[in-house]
Protein backbone atom coordinates (compact mmCIF):
# COMPACT_ATOMS: atom_id res chain seq x y z
CA MET A 1 111.44 151.78 90.43
CA ARG A 2 110.46 155.43 90.89
CA TYR A 3 107.58 156.84 92.92
CA GLU A 4 106.41 160.45 93.10
CA PHE A 5 103.82 161.85 95.51
CA LEU A 6 102.40 165.33 95.97
CA VAL A 7 101.20 165.70 99.56
CA GLU A 8 97.55 166.68 99.82
CA LYS A 9 95.89 168.59 102.64
CA GLU A 10 94.56 165.50 104.44
CA ASP A 11 98.09 164.09 104.76
CA THR A 12 99.69 167.16 106.33
CA ASN A 13 101.51 166.49 109.63
CA ALA A 14 101.82 162.78 108.82
CA ARG A 15 105.28 161.31 109.44
CA LEU A 16 107.29 160.70 106.30
CA ASP A 17 107.98 157.03 107.10
CA ALA A 18 104.35 156.32 108.03
CA PHE A 19 103.05 158.01 104.87
CA LEU A 20 105.31 155.99 102.57
CA SER A 21 104.65 152.77 104.45
CA ASP A 22 100.90 153.18 103.86
CA LYS A 23 101.25 154.23 100.23
CA LEU A 24 103.72 151.51 99.22
CA ASP A 25 102.60 148.58 101.38
CA MET A 26 106.05 148.23 102.95
CA SER A 27 106.98 147.85 106.60
CA ARG A 28 107.95 150.99 108.50
CA SER A 29 111.43 149.55 109.11
CA GLU A 30 111.98 149.01 105.36
CA ILE A 31 111.00 152.60 104.61
CA GLN A 32 113.22 153.93 107.41
CA LYS A 33 116.20 152.10 105.92
CA PHE A 34 115.58 153.76 102.55
CA ILE A 35 115.34 157.16 104.26
CA GLU A 36 118.62 156.54 106.13
CA ASP A 37 120.24 155.56 102.82
CA LYS A 38 119.08 158.88 101.33
CA LYS A 39 116.83 157.29 98.73
CA VAL A 40 113.90 159.58 99.65
CA PHE A 41 113.73 163.26 98.69
CA ILE A 42 111.33 165.93 99.91
CA ASN A 43 111.39 168.97 97.61
CA SER A 44 114.81 167.75 96.35
CA LYS A 45 116.19 167.44 99.91
CA ASN A 46 116.77 164.48 102.22
CA GLU A 47 114.75 164.63 105.45
CA LYS A 48 114.59 162.47 108.58
CA LYS A 49 112.13 159.62 109.05
CA ASN A 50 109.99 161.67 111.46
CA TYR A 51 109.70 164.67 109.14
CA LYS A 52 106.14 166.04 109.30
CA LEU A 53 104.68 166.45 105.82
CA LYS A 54 103.34 169.76 104.56
CA GLU A 55 100.74 170.35 101.89
CA ASN A 56 102.25 170.33 98.38
CA ASP A 57 105.49 168.68 99.51
CA LYS A 58 106.87 166.71 96.58
CA ILE A 59 108.20 163.28 97.52
CA ILE A 60 110.45 161.32 95.19
CA PHE A 61 111.44 157.78 96.09
CA GLU A 62 113.54 155.66 93.76
CA TYR A 63 114.90 152.22 94.54
CA GLN A 64 115.67 148.78 93.18
CA ALA A 65 112.84 146.50 94.27
CA LYS A 66 113.88 143.41 96.21
CA ASP A 67 113.07 140.00 94.87
CA LYS A 68 110.78 138.66 97.59
CA SER A 69 110.30 135.23 96.04
CA ILE A 70 111.49 132.32 98.15
CA LYS A 71 114.16 130.29 96.42
CA PRO A 72 115.62 126.87 97.29
CA GLN A 73 119.08 126.95 98.89
CA LYS A 74 121.49 124.07 99.37
CA TYR A 75 122.22 123.27 103.02
CA ASP A 76 123.40 120.20 104.91
CA LEU A 77 120.17 119.43 106.78
CA ASP A 78 120.27 116.94 109.66
CA VAL A 79 117.25 114.80 108.68
CA VAL A 80 116.57 112.27 111.45
CA TYR A 81 113.36 110.78 110.04
CA GLU A 82 111.66 110.83 106.65
CA ASP A 83 108.83 109.06 104.82
CA GLU A 84 106.58 110.04 101.93
CA TYR A 85 104.34 112.19 104.17
CA LEU A 86 106.64 114.02 106.57
CA ALA A 87 110.19 114.59 107.71
CA ILE A 88 111.75 115.46 111.06
CA ILE A 89 114.85 117.67 111.13
CA ASN A 90 117.36 118.35 113.88
CA LYS A 91 117.60 122.13 113.37
CA ASP A 92 120.87 123.99 113.77
CA LYS A 93 121.39 127.16 115.77
CA ASN A 94 121.06 130.50 113.95
CA VAL A 95 118.48 129.13 111.50
CA ILE A 96 115.22 131.09 111.23
CA VAL A 97 112.33 128.73 110.53
CA HIS A 98 110.53 130.70 107.82
CA PRO A 99 110.95 133.93 105.80
CA THR A 100 109.51 137.27 106.94
CA ASP A 101 108.69 140.55 105.20
CA THR A 102 112.38 141.47 105.33
CA ILE A 103 114.19 138.09 105.33
CA PHE A 104 113.97 135.89 102.22
CA GLU A 105 117.13 133.80 102.38
CA ASN A 106 118.93 131.35 104.68
CA THR A 107 115.78 130.14 106.42
CA LEU A 108 114.71 126.57 107.03
CA VAL A 109 112.06 126.97 104.31
CA ASN A 110 114.76 127.83 101.75
CA TYR A 111 116.69 124.71 102.79
CA ILE A 112 113.79 122.26 102.80
CA MET A 113 112.65 123.53 99.39
CA TYR A 114 116.03 122.36 98.07
CA ARG A 115 116.04 119.07 99.99
CA PHE A 116 112.48 117.80 99.40
CA ASP A 117 110.56 117.37 96.14
CA LYS A 118 107.23 118.35 97.66
CA LEU A 119 106.05 120.37 100.67
CA SER A 120 102.70 121.46 102.03
CA ASP A 121 101.63 124.98 101.04
CA ILE A 122 98.46 125.32 103.10
CA ASP A 123 99.93 128.28 105.02
CA GLY A 124 101.42 130.03 101.98
CA ASP A 125 104.82 130.22 100.30
CA TYR A 126 106.61 131.67 103.31
CA ARG A 127 105.66 128.67 105.48
CA ARG A 128 105.95 125.79 103.04
CA GLY A 129 106.12 122.56 105.02
CA ILE A 130 106.21 124.35 108.38
CA VAL A 131 103.83 122.85 110.95
CA HIS A 132 105.31 124.39 114.12
CA ARG A 133 108.21 126.69 115.03
CA LEU A 134 111.42 126.80 117.00
CA ASP A 135 113.19 130.02 117.95
CA LYS A 136 116.12 130.98 115.74
CA ASP A 137 118.70 129.96 118.36
CA THR A 138 116.87 126.92 119.73
CA THR A 139 118.24 123.71 118.24
CA GLY A 140 116.51 120.39 117.82
CA LEU A 141 113.52 118.62 116.34
CA ILE A 142 111.02 120.22 113.99
CA ILE A 143 108.40 118.42 111.88
CA ILE A 144 108.01 119.15 108.16
CA ALA A 145 104.83 118.23 106.24
CA LYS A 146 105.14 117.14 102.61
CA ASP A 147 101.47 117.55 101.67
CA ASN A 148 98.45 119.52 102.86
CA GLN A 149 96.54 116.53 104.24
CA THR A 150 99.46 115.55 106.48
CA HIS A 151 99.95 119.19 107.47
CA THR A 152 96.31 119.54 108.54
CA LYS A 153 96.39 116.30 110.55
CA LEU A 154 99.65 117.26 112.28
CA LYS A 155 98.11 120.62 113.23
CA GLU A 156 95.19 118.72 114.78
CA LEU A 157 97.61 116.56 116.80
CA ILE A 158 99.34 119.70 118.10
CA LYS A 159 96.03 121.41 118.90
CA ASN A 160 94.84 118.34 120.82
CA HIS A 161 98.19 118.02 122.69
CA GLU A 162 98.84 114.62 121.11
CA ILE A 163 102.48 115.32 120.29
CA THR A 164 104.78 115.00 123.29
CA LYS A 165 107.64 117.49 123.06
CA THR A 166 110.61 117.18 125.41
CA TYR A 167 113.43 119.70 125.59
CA LEU A 168 116.78 119.86 127.34
CA CYS A 169 118.18 123.05 128.81
CA ILE A 170 120.88 124.29 131.14
CA VAL A 171 119.60 126.71 133.77
CA HIS A 172 121.18 128.83 136.47
CA GLY A 173 121.14 127.49 140.03
CA LYS A 174 119.99 124.23 141.59
CA ILE A 175 116.50 123.63 140.25
CA ALA A 176 114.05 121.44 142.19
CA GLU A 177 114.20 117.72 141.47
CA GLU A 178 110.96 117.97 139.51
CA GLY A 179 108.00 120.26 139.18
CA LYS A 180 105.07 121.62 137.20
CA ILE A 181 104.64 125.19 135.97
CA GLU A 182 101.08 126.17 135.07
CA GLN A 183 100.51 129.84 134.32
CA TYR A 184 98.76 132.15 131.89
CA MET A 185 101.00 133.79 129.32
CA GLY A 186 100.70 136.67 126.89
CA ARG A 187 102.57 139.48 125.20
CA ASN A 188 104.51 141.62 127.69
CA PRO A 189 102.62 144.93 127.87
CA LYS A 190 105.87 146.82 128.56
CA ASP A 191 107.95 145.15 125.83
CA ARG A 192 106.22 143.70 122.77
CA LYS A 193 109.27 141.61 121.87
CA LYS A 194 108.82 139.55 125.03
CA MET A 195 106.21 137.23 126.47
CA ALA A 196 105.26 137.29 130.15
CA ILE A 197 103.31 135.54 132.92
CA LEU A 198 100.01 137.42 133.21
CA ASP A 199 96.72 137.20 135.08
CA SER A 200 95.03 136.46 131.76
CA GLY A 201 96.11 135.15 128.37
CA LYS A 202 96.69 131.59 127.19
CA LEU A 203 97.28 128.73 129.60
CA SER A 204 100.83 127.34 129.52
CA ILE A 205 101.94 124.09 131.17
CA SER A 206 105.46 122.66 131.52
CA TYR A 207 106.78 119.70 133.50
CA TYR A 208 110.46 119.68 134.38
CA LYS A 209 112.88 117.16 135.83
CA ARG A 210 116.42 117.78 137.07
CA LEU A 211 118.98 115.45 135.48
CA ASP A 212 122.23 116.81 136.93
CA TYR A 213 123.37 119.82 138.95
CA ASN A 214 126.21 121.55 140.75
CA ASP A 215 126.50 124.73 142.80
CA ASP A 216 125.92 127.01 139.80
CA TYR A 217 123.93 125.17 137.13
CA SER A 218 121.35 122.46 136.49
CA LEU A 219 120.68 120.27 133.48
CA ALA A 220 116.91 119.98 133.10
CA GLN A 221 114.49 118.00 130.96
CA VAL A 222 111.27 119.89 130.18
CA GLU A 223 108.11 118.43 128.69
CA ILE A 224 105.67 121.03 127.40
CA LYS A 225 101.96 120.31 127.36
CA THR A 226 101.25 123.58 125.54
CA GLY A 227 103.34 125.31 122.90
CA ARG A 228 103.26 129.01 123.73
CA THR A 229 105.83 131.38 122.24
CA HIS A 230 109.04 131.32 124.36
CA GLN A 231 107.23 129.08 126.87
CA ILE A 232 110.21 127.30 128.41
CA ARG A 233 112.34 130.45 128.50
CA VAL A 234 109.57 132.39 130.27
CA HIS A 235 108.78 129.51 132.66
CA MET A 236 112.38 128.99 133.72
CA ASN A 237 112.80 132.70 134.35
CA TYR A 238 109.51 132.73 136.30
CA ILE A 239 110.81 130.11 138.78
CA GLN A 240 114.10 132.05 139.04
CA HIS A 241 116.20 129.55 137.11
CA PRO A 242 116.73 131.35 133.78
CA ILE A 243 118.29 129.48 130.89
CA LEU A 244 122.01 129.93 130.37
CA GLY A 245 122.74 132.37 127.55
CA ASP A 246 119.17 133.66 127.20
CA LYS A 247 119.62 137.33 126.24
CA LEU A 248 115.91 138.13 126.35
CA TYR A 249 114.81 136.53 129.63
CA GLY A 250 118.03 135.49 131.33
CA MET A 251 120.64 137.04 133.58
CA LYS A 252 122.31 140.26 132.46
CA ARG A 253 125.72 139.05 133.61
CA GLU A 254 126.86 135.44 133.46
CA LYS A 255 130.05 133.68 134.50
CA ILE A 256 130.07 131.69 131.29
CA ASN A 257 129.47 133.55 128.07
CA PHE A 258 127.02 132.11 125.56
CA ASP A 259 125.50 134.23 122.82
CA SER A 260 122.11 132.47 122.88
CA GLN A 261 119.91 130.26 125.05
CA VAL A 262 121.15 126.71 125.70
CA LEU A 263 117.89 125.00 124.74
CA HIS A 264 117.43 121.90 122.59
CA ALA A 265 114.23 120.22 121.32
CA TYR A 266 115.36 116.71 122.22
CA ASN A 267 112.48 114.27 121.71
CA LEU A 268 109.15 113.96 119.88
CA LYS A 269 106.57 111.25 120.47
CA PHE A 270 103.38 110.97 118.44
CA THR A 271 101.29 108.68 116.30
CA HIS A 272 101.92 109.19 112.60
CA PRO A 273 98.76 110.92 111.30
CA ILE A 274 98.65 108.87 108.07
CA THR A 275 100.27 105.48 108.74
CA GLY A 276 99.36 105.13 112.42
CA GLN A 277 102.98 104.25 113.28
CA LYS A 278 104.15 105.15 116.79
CA LEU A 279 107.09 107.54 116.40
CA ASN A 280 109.63 108.22 119.15
CA ILE A 281 112.35 110.44 117.70
CA THR A 282 115.41 111.75 119.56
CA ALA A 283 117.82 114.42 118.31
CA ASP A 284 121.57 114.27 118.93
CA LEU A 285 122.90 117.24 120.86
CA LYS A 286 124.49 119.96 118.77
CA ASP A 287 128.08 121.07 119.40
CA GLU A 288 126.95 124.25 121.19
CA PHE A 289 125.01 122.26 123.79
CA LEU A 290 127.90 119.81 124.31
CA LEU A 291 130.26 122.75 124.82
CA ALA A 292 127.87 124.26 127.37
CA LEU A 293 127.76 120.97 129.29
CA LYS A 294 131.54 120.87 129.35
CA LYS A 295 131.90 124.49 130.50
CA THR A 296 129.28 124.13 133.24
CA GLY A 297 130.65 120.80 134.46
CA LEU A 298 127.37 118.94 133.92
CA ASP A 299 127.23 115.29 132.89
CA CYS A 300 125.72 114.50 129.47
CA LYS A 301 125.48 110.84 130.53
CA LYS A 302 122.64 111.83 132.88
CA ILE A 303 120.43 112.59 129.88
CA THR A 304 117.72 109.97 129.46
CA THR A 305 118.30 108.13 126.20
CA LYS A 306 114.88 106.46 126.12
CA LEU A 307 111.83 108.62 126.74
């Protein structure tokens, strides 16, 4: 695909990447990658992404358009519950829940499209079946809706705090035997990639219980009453017990090296929105969490099997 633009007076001094992003409806990062790969020419020359446009500059941009359609992909999903309305999956580490503007493959949506005959589409193709999220490196339980009615009712349960979500995590230090964290959260004004405890924002509530501990680490069970982005990670850091391996909110240097947070969505309890059945679903620990328990010397037998 080839694009040609002649810069007009009103666009002078605009950045090259910003100009093309607006004209082509692409993200700035996508355009910058094309510029770095020397796919963009200004008056037959390659320029940097921050080049300031001049009147009558001739821009030529030629590239092979990406196929942004979401395709089913085969994957060995750990399905722990399924009926005709919904499924519950024990998600692996390194699995992004849904596609983005730049990622179209190897997401949970790709995998569930292959595994299930029907999925809700109320939130669009990129979020087929997805009712709620887990971070890429957080393992554990996630609910999938097979039709739009079930999806809508599950969203209502979440909104009304009628789904009890319990997580397991390994944190630094000896955490208190139990406690409640109730704070307002929002986007970190100094770093948009992070969330933070603020004076205003959305209320976040977590209840935690210590299951095992030693001089360096604690195994904790955390029930969240609200589902804010990165809630448990932010809360544990706030009480000075950051999660082991958390590169965004945790300790800069750790005795034990883990490349991501040791956090697992362990249990879900809710009333099935269609059948009325009481569901109490527990997810087996993934190998990464078991390895972390072994390396930290914490006892997996202390984990409550019935919640």
